[in-house]
mmCIF file of all heavy atoms, coordinates in Angstrom:
data_MODEL
# 
_entry.id   MODEL 
# 
loop_
_atom_site.group_PDB 
_atom_site.id 
_atom_site.type_symbol 
_atom_site.label_atom_id 
_atom_site.label_alt_id 
_atom_site.label_comp_id 
_atom_site.label_asym_id 
_atom_site.label_entity_id 
_atom_site.label_seq_id 
_atom_site.pdbx_PDB_ins_code 
_atom_site.Cartn_x 
_atom_site.Cartn_y 
_atom_site.Cartn_z 
_atom_site.occupancy 
_atom_site.B_iso_or_equiv 
_atom_site.pdbx_formal_charge 
_atom_site.auth_seq_id 
_atom_site.auth_comp_id 
_atom_site.auth_asym_id 
_atom_site.auth_atom_id 
_atom_site.pdbx_PDB_model_num 
ATOM 1   N N   . THR A 1 1  ? 63.635 24.919 144.140 1.00 0.00 ? 1  THR A N   1 
ATOM 2   C CA  . THR A 1 1  ? 63.446 23.460 143.918 1.00 0.00 ? 1  THR A CA  1 
ATOM 3   C C   . THR A 1 1  ? 63.900 22.678 145.130 1.00 0.00 ? 1  THR A C   1 
ATOM 4   O O   . THR A 1 1  ? 63.703 21.396 145.122 1.00 0.00 ? 1  THR A O   1 
ATOM 5   C CB  . THR A 1 1  ? 63.913 23.027 142.564 1.00 0.00 ? 1  THR A CB  1 
ATOM 6   O OG1 . THR A 1 1  ? 65.261 23.252 142.551 1.00 0.00 ? 1  THR A OG1 1 
ATOM 7   C CG2 . THR A 1 1  ? 63.232 23.717 141.497 1.00 0.00 ? 1  THR A CG2 1 
ATOM 8   N N   . GLY A 1 2  ? 64.711 23.242 146.005 1.00 0.00 ? 2  GLY A N   1 
ATOM 9   C CA  . GLY A 1 2  ? 65.262 22.291 147.016 1.00 0.00 ? 2  GLY A CA  1 
ATOM 10  C C   . GLY A 1 2  ? 64.180 21.916 148.080 1.00 0.00 ? 2  GLY A C   1 
ATOM 11  O O   . GLY A 1 2  ? 63.072 22.335 148.130 1.00 0.00 ? 2  GLY A O   1 
ATOM 12  N N   . SER A 1 3  ? 64.585 20.959 148.899 1.00 0.00 ? 3  SER A N   1 
ATOM 13  C CA  . SER A 1 3  ? 63.735 20.522 149.976 1.00 0.00 ? 3  SER A CA  1 
ATOM 14  C C   . SER A 1 3  ? 63.526 21.415 151.110 1.00 0.00 ? 3  SER A C   1 
ATOM 15  O O   . SER A 1 3  ? 62.539 21.543 151.718 1.00 0.00 ? 3  SER A O   1 
ATOM 16  C CB  . SER A 1 3  ? 64.200 19.168 150.476 1.00 0.00 ? 3  SER A CB  1 
ATOM 17  O OG  . SER A 1 3  ? 65.570 19.312 150.949 1.00 0.00 ? 3  SER A OG  1 
ATOM 18  N N   . LEU A 1 4  ? 64.670 22.218 151.342 1.00 0.00 ? 4  LEU A N   1 
ATOM 19  C CA  . LEU A 1 4  ? 64.631 23.258 152.420 1.00 0.00 ? 4  LEU A CA  1 
ATOM 20  C C   . LEU A 1 4  ? 65.382 24.481 151.765 1.00 0.00 ? 4  LEU A C   1 
ATOM 21  O O   . LEU A 1 4  ? 66.110 24.393 150.922 1.00 0.00 ? 4  LEU A O   1 
ATOM 22  C CB  . LEU A 1 4  ? 65.295 22.720 153.582 1.00 0.00 ? 4  LEU A CB  1 
ATOM 23  C CG  . LEU A 1 4  ? 64.619 21.647 154.423 1.00 0.00 ? 4  LEU A CG  1 
ATOM 24  C CD1 . LEU A 1 4  ? 65.601 20.964 155.330 1.00 0.00 ? 4  LEU A CD1 1 
ATOM 25  C CD2 . LEU A 1 4  ? 63.352 22.159 155.083 1.00 0.00 ? 4  LEU A CD2 1 
ATOM 26  N N   . VAL A 1 5  ? 65.220 25.642 152.488 1.00 0.00 ? 5  VAL A N   1 
ATOM 27  C CA  . VAL A 1 5  ? 65.931 26.889 152.130 1.00 0.00 ? 5  VAL A CA  1 
ATOM 28  C C   . VAL A 1 5  ? 67.186 26.810 152.914 1.00 0.00 ? 5  VAL A C   1 
ATOM 29  O O   . VAL A 1 5  ? 67.154 26.779 154.194 1.00 0.00 ? 5  VAL A O   1 
ATOM 30  C CB  . VAL A 1 5  ? 65.071 28.098 152.423 1.00 0.00 ? 5  VAL A CB  1 
ATOM 31  C CG1 . VAL A 1 5  ? 65.938 29.418 152.245 1.00 0.00 ? 5  VAL A CG1 1 
ATOM 32  C CG2 . VAL A 1 5  ? 63.793 28.152 151.708 1.00 0.00 ? 5  VAL A CG2 1 
ATOM 33  N N   . ARG A 1 6  ? 68.346 26.884 152.169 1.00 0.00 ? 6  ARG A N   1 
ATOM 34  C CA  . ARG A 1 6  ? 69.616 26.782 152.912 1.00 0.00 ? 6  ARG A CA  1 
ATOM 35  C C   . ARG A 1 6  ? 70.470 28.022 152.535 1.00 0.00 ? 6  ARG A C   1 
ATOM 36  O O   . ARG A 1 6  ? 70.625 28.383 151.369 1.00 0.00 ? 6  ARG A O   1 
ATOM 37  C CB  . ARG A 1 6  ? 70.349 25.618 152.519 1.00 0.00 ? 6  ARG A CB  1 
ATOM 38  C CG  . ARG A 1 6  ? 69.835 24.276 153.006 1.00 0.00 ? 6  ARG A CG  1 
ATOM 39  C CD  . ARG A 1 6  ? 70.621 23.092 152.600 1.00 0.00 ? 6  ARG A CD  1 
ATOM 40  N NE  . ARG A 1 6  ? 70.106 21.830 153.213 1.00 0.00 ? 6  ARG A NE  1 
ATOM 41  C CZ  . ARG A 1 6  ? 69.083 21.066 152.804 1.00 0.00 ? 6  ARG A CZ  1 
ATOM 42  N NH1 . ARG A 1 6  ? 68.427 21.512 151.769 1.00 0.00 ? 6  ARG A NH1 1 
ATOM 43  N NH2 . ARG A 1 6  ? 68.710 20.065 153.515 1.00 0.00 ? 6  ARG A NH2 1 
ATOM 44  N N   . LEU A 1 7  ? 70.919 28.744 153.648 1.00 0.00 ? 7  LEU A N   1 
ATOM 45  C CA  . LEU A 1 7  ? 71.769 29.922 153.535 1.00 0.00 ? 7  LEU A CA  1 
ATOM 46  C C   . LEU A 1 7  ? 73.050 29.618 154.251 1.00 0.00 ? 7  LEU A C   1 
ATOM 47  O O   . LEU A 1 7  ? 73.110 28.920 155.234 1.00 0.00 ? 7  LEU A O   1 
ATOM 48  C CB  . LEU A 1 7  ? 71.086 31.111 154.119 1.00 0.00 ? 7  LEU A CB  1 
ATOM 49  C CG  . LEU A 1 7  ? 69.782 31.638 153.460 1.00 0.00 ? 7  LEU A CG  1 
ATOM 50  C CD1 . LEU A 1 7  ? 69.160 32.769 154.233 1.00 0.00 ? 7  LEU A CD1 1 
ATOM 51  C CD2 . LEU A 1 7  ? 70.027 32.008 152.050 1.00 0.00 ? 7  LEU A CD2 1 
ATOM 52  N N   . PRO A 1 8  ? 74.189 30.228 153.764 1.00 0.00 ? 8  PRO A N   1 
ATOM 53  C CA  . PRO A 1 8  ? 75.489 30.006 154.489 1.00 0.00 ? 8  PRO A CA  1 
ATOM 54  C C   . PRO A 1 8  ? 75.449 30.464 155.933 1.00 0.00 ? 8  PRO A C   1 
ATOM 55  O O   . PRO A 1 8  ? 74.810 31.452 156.323 1.00 0.00 ? 8  PRO A O   1 
ATOM 56  C CB  . PRO A 1 8  ? 76.417 30.818 153.645 1.00 0.00 ? 8  PRO A CB  1 
ATOM 57  C CG  . PRO A 1 8  ? 75.744 30.989 152.338 1.00 0.00 ? 8  PRO A CG  1 
ATOM 58  C CD  . PRO A 1 8  ? 74.338 31.052 152.605 1.00 0.00 ? 8  PRO A CD  1 
ATOM 59  N N   . GLY A 1 9  ? 76.047 29.692 156.761 1.00 0.00 ? 9  GLY A N   1 
ATOM 60  C CA  . GLY A 1 9  ? 76.184 29.918 158.164 1.00 0.00 ? 9  GLY A CA  1 
ATOM 61  C C   . GLY A 1 9  ? 77.679 30.219 158.628 1.00 0.00 ? 9  GLY A C   1 
ATOM 62  O O   . GLY A 1 9  ? 78.390 30.598 157.665 1.00 0.00 ? 9  GLY A O   1 
ATOM 63  N N   . PRO A 1 10 ? 78.010 30.131 159.905 1.00 0.00 ? 10 PRO A N   1 
ATOM 64  C CA  . PRO A 1 10 ? 79.243 30.427 160.353 1.00 0.00 ? 10 PRO A CA  1 
ATOM 65  C C   . PRO A 1 10 ? 80.325 29.472 159.872 1.00 0.00 ? 10 PRO A C   1 
ATOM 66  O O   . PRO A 1 10 ? 81.535 29.747 159.866 1.00 0.00 ? 10 PRO A O   1 
ATOM 67  C CB  . PRO A 1 10 ? 79.278 30.357 161.863 1.00 0.00 ? 10 PRO A CB  1 
ATOM 68  C CG  . PRO A 1 10 ? 77.895 29.565 162.031 1.00 0.00 ? 10 PRO A CG  1 
ATOM 69  C CD  . PRO A 1 10 ? 77.029 29.853 161.003 1.00 0.00 ? 10 PRO A CD  1 
ATOM 70  N N   . SER A 1 11 ? 79.964 28.256 159.375 1.00 0.00 ? 11 SER A N   1 
ATOM 71  C CA  . SER A 1 11 ? 80.772 27.340 158.829 1.00 0.00 ? 11 SER A CA  1 
ATOM 72  C C   . SER A 1 11 ? 80.026 26.473 157.821 1.00 0.00 ? 11 SER A C   1 
ATOM 73  O O   . SER A 1 11 ? 78.829 26.553 157.783 1.00 0.00 ? 11 SER A O   1 
ATOM 74  C CB  . SER A 1 11 ? 81.429 26.426 159.778 1.00 0.00 ? 11 SER A CB  1 
ATOM 75  O OG  . SER A 1 11 ? 80.464 25.498 160.413 1.00 0.00 ? 11 SER A OG  1 
ATOM 76  N N   . ILE A 1 12 ? 80.767 25.768 156.937 1.00 0.00 ? 12 ILE A N   1 
ATOM 77  C CA  . ILE A 1 12 ? 80.156 24.876 155.868 1.00 0.00 ? 12 ILE A CA  1 
ATOM 78  C C   . ILE A 1 12 ? 79.226 23.836 156.479 1.00 0.00 ? 12 ILE A C   1 
ATOM 79  O O   . ILE A 1 12 ? 78.265 23.402 155.812 1.00 0.00 ? 12 ILE A O   1 
ATOM 80  C CB  . ILE A 1 12 ? 81.286 24.331 154.950 1.00 0.00 ? 12 ILE A CB  1 
ATOM 81  C CG1 . ILE A 1 12 ? 80.521 23.711 153.652 1.00 0.00 ? 12 ILE A CG1 1 
ATOM 82  C CG2 . ILE A 1 12 ? 81.955 23.219 155.696 1.00 0.00 ? 12 ILE A CG2 1 
ATOM 83  C CD1 . ILE A 1 12 ? 81.508 23.447 152.511 1.00 0.00 ? 12 ILE A CD1 1 
ATOM 84  N N   . THR A 1 13 ? 79.508 23.428 157.681 1.00 0.00 ? 13 THR A N   1 
ATOM 85  C CA  . THR A 1 13 ? 78.724 22.417 158.251 1.00 0.00 ? 13 THR A CA  1 
ATOM 86  C C   . THR A 1 13 ? 77.527 23.019 159.188 1.00 0.00 ? 13 THR A C   1 
ATOM 87  O O   . THR A 1 13 ? 76.777 22.330 159.841 1.00 0.00 ? 13 THR A O   1 
ATOM 88  C CB  . THR A 1 13 ? 79.507 21.483 159.270 1.00 0.00 ? 13 THR A CB  1 
ATOM 89  O OG1 . THR A 1 13 ? 80.126 22.262 160.227 1.00 0.00 ? 13 THR A OG1 1 
ATOM 90  C CG2 . THR A 1 13 ? 80.539 20.746 158.337 1.00 0.00 ? 13 THR A CG2 1 
ATOM 91  N N   . GLN A 1 14 ? 77.460 24.335 159.226 1.00 0.00 ? 14 GLN A N   1 
ATOM 92  C CA  . GLN A 1 14 ? 76.395 24.977 159.994 1.00 0.00 ? 14 GLN A CA  1 
ATOM 93  C C   . GLN A 1 14 ? 75.652 26.023 159.174 1.00 0.00 ? 14 GLN A C   1 
ATOM 94  O O   . GLN A 1 14 ? 75.518 27.231 159.491 1.00 0.00 ? 14 GLN A O   1 
ATOM 95  C CB  . GLN A 1 14 ? 77.149 25.730 161.293 1.00 0.00 ? 14 GLN A CB  1 
ATOM 96  C CG  . GLN A 1 14 ? 77.825 24.920 162.204 1.00 0.00 ? 14 GLN A CG  1 
ATOM 97  C CD  . GLN A 1 14 ? 78.490 25.711 163.246 1.00 0.00 ? 14 GLN A CD  1 
ATOM 98  O OE1 . GLN A 1 14 ? 79.622 26.308 162.970 1.00 0.00 ? 14 GLN A OE1 1 
ATOM 99  N NE2 . GLN A 1 14 ? 77.968 25.607 164.484 1.00 0.00 ? 14 GLN A NE2 1 
ATOM 100 N N   . PRO A 1 15 ? 74.898 25.494 158.155 1.00 0.00 ? 15 PRO A N   1 
ATOM 101 C CA  . PRO A 1 15 ? 74.086 26.473 157.355 1.00 0.00 ? 15 PRO A CA  1 
ATOM 102 C C   . PRO A 1 15 ? 72.928 26.862 158.175 1.00 0.00 ? 15 PRO A C   1 
ATOM 103 O O   . PRO A 1 15 ? 72.369 26.262 159.082 1.00 0.00 ? 15 PRO A O   1 
ATOM 104 C CB  . PRO A 1 15 ? 73.666 25.554 156.204 1.00 0.00 ? 15 PRO A CB  1 
ATOM 105 C CG  . PRO A 1 15 ? 73.584 24.124 156.757 1.00 0.00 ? 15 PRO A CG  1 
ATOM 106 C CD  . PRO A 1 15 ? 74.724 24.084 157.729 1.00 0.00 ? 15 PRO A CD  1 
ATOM 107 N N   . ASN A 1 16 ? 72.210 27.945 157.714 1.00 0.00 ? 16 ASN A N   1 
ATOM 108 C CA  . ASN A 1 16 ? 70.943 28.427 158.231 1.00 0.00 ? 16 ASN A CA  1 
ATOM 109 C C   . ASN A 1 16 ? 69.927 27.809 157.433 1.00 0.00 ? 16 ASN A C   1 
ATOM 110 O O   . ASN A 1 16 ? 69.881 27.996 156.216 1.00 0.00 ? 16 ASN A O   1 
ATOM 111 C CB  . ASN A 1 16 ? 70.930 29.921 158.198 1.00 0.00 ? 16 ASN A CB  1 
ATOM 112 C CG  . ASN A 1 16 ? 71.845 30.548 159.169 1.00 0.00 ? 16 ASN A CG  1 
ATOM 113 O OD1 . ASN A 1 16 ? 71.662 30.598 160.384 1.00 0.00 ? 16 ASN A OD1 1 
ATOM 114 N ND2 . ASN A 1 16 ? 72.975 31.179 158.537 1.00 0.00 ? 16 ASN A ND2 1 
ATOM 115 N N   . VAL A 1 17 ? 69.026 27.032 157.938 1.00 0.00 ? 17 VAL A N   1 
ATOM 116 C CA  . VAL A 1 17 ? 68.036 26.228 157.253 1.00 0.00 ? 17 VAL A CA  1 
ATOM 117 C C   . VAL A 1 17 ? 66.684 26.624 157.658 1.00 0.00 ? 17 VAL A C   1 
ATOM 118 O O   . VAL A 1 17 ? 66.250 26.897 158.828 1.00 0.00 ? 17 VAL A O   1 
ATOM 119 C CB  . VAL A 1 17 ? 68.209 24.748 157.535 1.00 0.00 ? 17 VAL A CB  1 
ATOM 120 C CG1 . VAL A 1 17 ? 67.220 23.919 156.824 1.00 0.00 ? 17 VAL A CG1 1 
ATOM 121 C CG2 . VAL A 1 17 ? 69.577 24.307 157.129 1.00 0.00 ? 17 VAL A CG2 1 
ATOM 122 N N   . TYR A 1 18 ? 65.768 26.858 156.640 1.00 0.00 ? 18 TYR A N   1 
ATOM 123 C CA  . TYR A 1 18 ? 64.387 27.374 156.762 1.00 0.00 ? 18 TYR A CA  1 
ATOM 124 C C   . TYR A 1 18 ? 63.513 26.436 155.955 1.00 0.00 ? 18 TYR A C   1 
ATOM 125 O O   . TYR A 1 18 ? 63.877 25.961 154.989 1.00 0.00 ? 18 TYR A O   1 
ATOM 126 C CB  . TYR A 1 18 ? 64.300 28.811 156.455 1.00 0.00 ? 18 TYR A CB  1 
ATOM 127 C CG  . TYR A 1 18 ? 65.218 29.718 157.143 1.00 0.00 ? 18 TYR A CG  1 
ATOM 128 C CD1 . TYR A 1 18 ? 66.459 30.158 156.643 1.00 0.00 ? 18 TYR A CD1 1 
ATOM 129 C CD2 . TYR A 1 18 ? 64.862 30.175 158.409 1.00 0.00 ? 18 TYR A CD2 1 
ATOM 130 C CE1 . TYR A 1 18 ? 67.315 30.953 157.298 1.00 0.00 ? 18 TYR A CE1 1 
ATOM 131 C CE2 . TYR A 1 18 ? 65.786 31.108 159.090 1.00 0.00 ? 18 TYR A CE2 1 
ATOM 132 C CZ  . TYR A 1 18 ? 67.007 31.444 158.571 1.00 0.00 ? 18 TYR A CZ  1 
ATOM 133 O OH  . TYR A 1 18 ? 67.858 32.302 159.159 1.00 0.00 ? 18 TYR A OH  1 
ATOM 134 N N   . GLN A 1 19 ? 62.177 26.493 156.274 1.00 0.00 ? 19 GLN A N   1 
ATOM 135 C CA  . GLN A 1 19 ? 61.209 25.827 155.396 1.00 0.00 ? 19 GLN A CA  1 
ATOM 136 C C   . GLN A 1 19 ? 60.598 26.746 154.407 1.00 0.00 ? 19 GLN A C   1 
ATOM 137 O O   . GLN A 1 19 ? 60.491 27.929 154.705 1.00 0.00 ? 19 GLN A O   1 
ATOM 138 C CB  . GLN A 1 19 ? 60.077 25.305 156.325 1.00 0.00 ? 19 GLN A CB  1 
ATOM 139 C CG  . GLN A 1 19 ? 60.469 24.088 157.246 1.00 0.00 ? 19 GLN A CG  1 
ATOM 140 C CD  . GLN A 1 19 ? 59.228 23.566 157.944 1.00 0.00 ? 19 GLN A CD  1 
ATOM 141 O OE1 . GLN A 1 19 ? 58.707 24.156 158.843 1.00 0.00 ? 19 GLN A OE1 1 
ATOM 142 N NE2 . GLN A 1 19 ? 58.930 22.250 157.683 1.00 0.00 ? 19 GLN A NE2 1 
ATOM 143 N N   . PHE A 1 20 ? 60.341 26.308 153.306 1.00 0.00 ? 20 PHE A N   1 
ATOM 144 C CA  . PHE A 1 20 ? 59.683 27.022 152.243 1.00 0.00 ? 20 PHE A CA  1 
ATOM 145 C C   . PHE A 1 20 ? 58.250 27.412 152.747 1.00 0.00 ? 20 PHE A C   1 
ATOM 146 O O   . PHE A 1 20 ? 57.574 26.680 153.406 1.00 0.00 ? 20 PHE A O   1 
ATOM 147 C CB  . PHE A 1 20 ? 59.569 26.287 150.986 1.00 0.00 ? 20 PHE A CB  1 
ATOM 148 C CG  . PHE A 1 20 ? 60.703 26.219 150.152 1.00 0.00 ? 20 PHE A CG  1 
ATOM 149 C CD1 . PHE A 1 20 ? 61.636 25.123 150.086 1.00 0.00 ? 20 PHE A CD1 1 
ATOM 150 C CD2 . PHE A 1 20 ? 61.139 27.311 149.307 1.00 0.00 ? 20 PHE A CD2 1 
ATOM 151 C CE1 . PHE A 1 20 ? 62.779 25.062 149.450 1.00 0.00 ? 20 PHE A CE1 1 
ATOM 152 C CE2 . PHE A 1 20 ? 62.308 27.359 148.523 1.00 0.00 ? 20 PHE A CE2 1 
ATOM 153 C CZ  . PHE A 1 20 ? 63.091 26.184 148.575 1.00 0.00 ? 20 PHE A CZ  1 
ATOM 154 N N   . ASN A 1 21 ? 57.727 28.474 152.182 1.00 0.00 ? 21 ASN A N   1 
ATOM 155 C CA  . ASN A 1 21 ? 56.418 28.918 152.446 1.00 0.00 ? 21 ASN A CA  1 
ATOM 156 C C   . ASN A 1 21 ? 56.004 29.322 153.853 1.00 0.00 ? 21 ASN A C   1 
ATOM 157 O O   . ASN A 1 21 ? 54.889 29.633 154.180 1.00 0.00 ? 21 ASN A O   1 
ATOM 158 C CB  . ASN A 1 21 ? 55.402 27.889 151.903 1.00 0.00 ? 21 ASN A CB  1 
ATOM 159 C CG  . ASN A 1 21 ? 55.805 27.465 150.414 1.00 0.00 ? 21 ASN A CG  1 
ATOM 160 O OD1 . ASN A 1 21 ? 55.996 28.329 149.553 1.00 0.00 ? 21 ASN A OD1 1 
ATOM 161 N ND2 . ASN A 1 21 ? 55.763 26.148 150.270 1.00 0.00 ? 21 ASN A ND2 1 
ATOM 162 N N   . LYS A 1 22 ? 56.969 29.187 154.824 1.00 0.00 ? 22 LYS A N   1 
ATOM 163 C CA  . LYS A 1 22 ? 56.667 29.335 156.174 1.00 0.00 ? 22 LYS A CA  1 
ATOM 164 C C   . LYS A 1 22 ? 57.404 30.469 156.979 1.00 0.00 ? 22 LYS A C   1 
ATOM 165 O O   . LYS A 1 22 ? 56.984 30.876 158.011 1.00 0.00 ? 22 LYS A O   1 
ATOM 166 C CB  . LYS A 1 22 ? 56.822 28.033 157.083 1.00 0.00 ? 22 LYS A CB  1 
ATOM 167 C CG  . LYS A 1 22 ? 55.810 26.924 156.525 1.00 0.00 ? 22 LYS A CG  1 
ATOM 168 C CD  . LYS A 1 22 ? 55.906 25.717 157.479 1.00 0.00 ? 22 LYS A CD  1 
ATOM 169 C CE  . LYS A 1 22 ? 54.935 24.608 157.146 1.00 0.00 ? 22 LYS A CE  1 
ATOM 170 N NZ  . LYS A 1 22 ? 54.970 23.427 157.959 1.00 0.00 ? 22 LYS A NZ  1 
ATOM 171 N N   . VAL A 1 23 ? 58.605 30.823 156.447 1.00 0.00 ? 23 VAL A N   1 
ATOM 172 C CA  . VAL A 1 23 ? 59.339 31.815 157.069 1.00 0.00 ? 23 VAL A CA  1 
ATOM 173 C C   . VAL A 1 23 ? 59.650 33.006 156.072 1.00 0.00 ? 23 VAL A C   1 
ATOM 174 O O   . VAL A 1 23 ? 59.998 32.764 154.893 1.00 0.00 ? 23 VAL A O   1 
ATOM 175 C CB  . VAL A 1 23 ? 60.828 31.272 157.471 1.00 0.00 ? 23 VAL A CB  1 
ATOM 176 C CG1 . VAL A 1 23 ? 61.607 32.356 158.302 1.00 0.00 ? 23 VAL A CG1 1 
ATOM 177 C CG2 . VAL A 1 23 ? 60.609 30.031 158.364 1.00 0.00 ? 23 VAL A CG2 1 
ATOM 178 N N   . SER A 1 24 ? 59.346 34.228 156.442 1.00 0.00 ? 24 SER A N   1 
ATOM 179 C CA  . SER A 1 24 ? 59.572 35.312 155.515 1.00 0.00 ? 24 SER A CA  1 
ATOM 180 C C   . SER A 1 24 ? 60.905 35.855 155.434 1.00 0.00 ? 24 SER A C   1 
ATOM 181 O O   . SER A 1 24 ? 61.787 35.505 156.296 1.00 0.00 ? 24 SER A O   1 
ATOM 182 C CB  . SER A 1 24 ? 58.694 36.451 156.026 1.00 0.00 ? 24 SER A CB  1 
ATOM 183 O OG  . SER A 1 24 ? 59.200 36.974 157.220 1.00 0.00 ? 24 SER A OG  1 
# 
């Protein structure tokens, strides 16, 4: 339900962000 797909990154301020329906 989020606006973007967010996964943890190297720090709390550097998440890995992806778009729904576009990245496998």
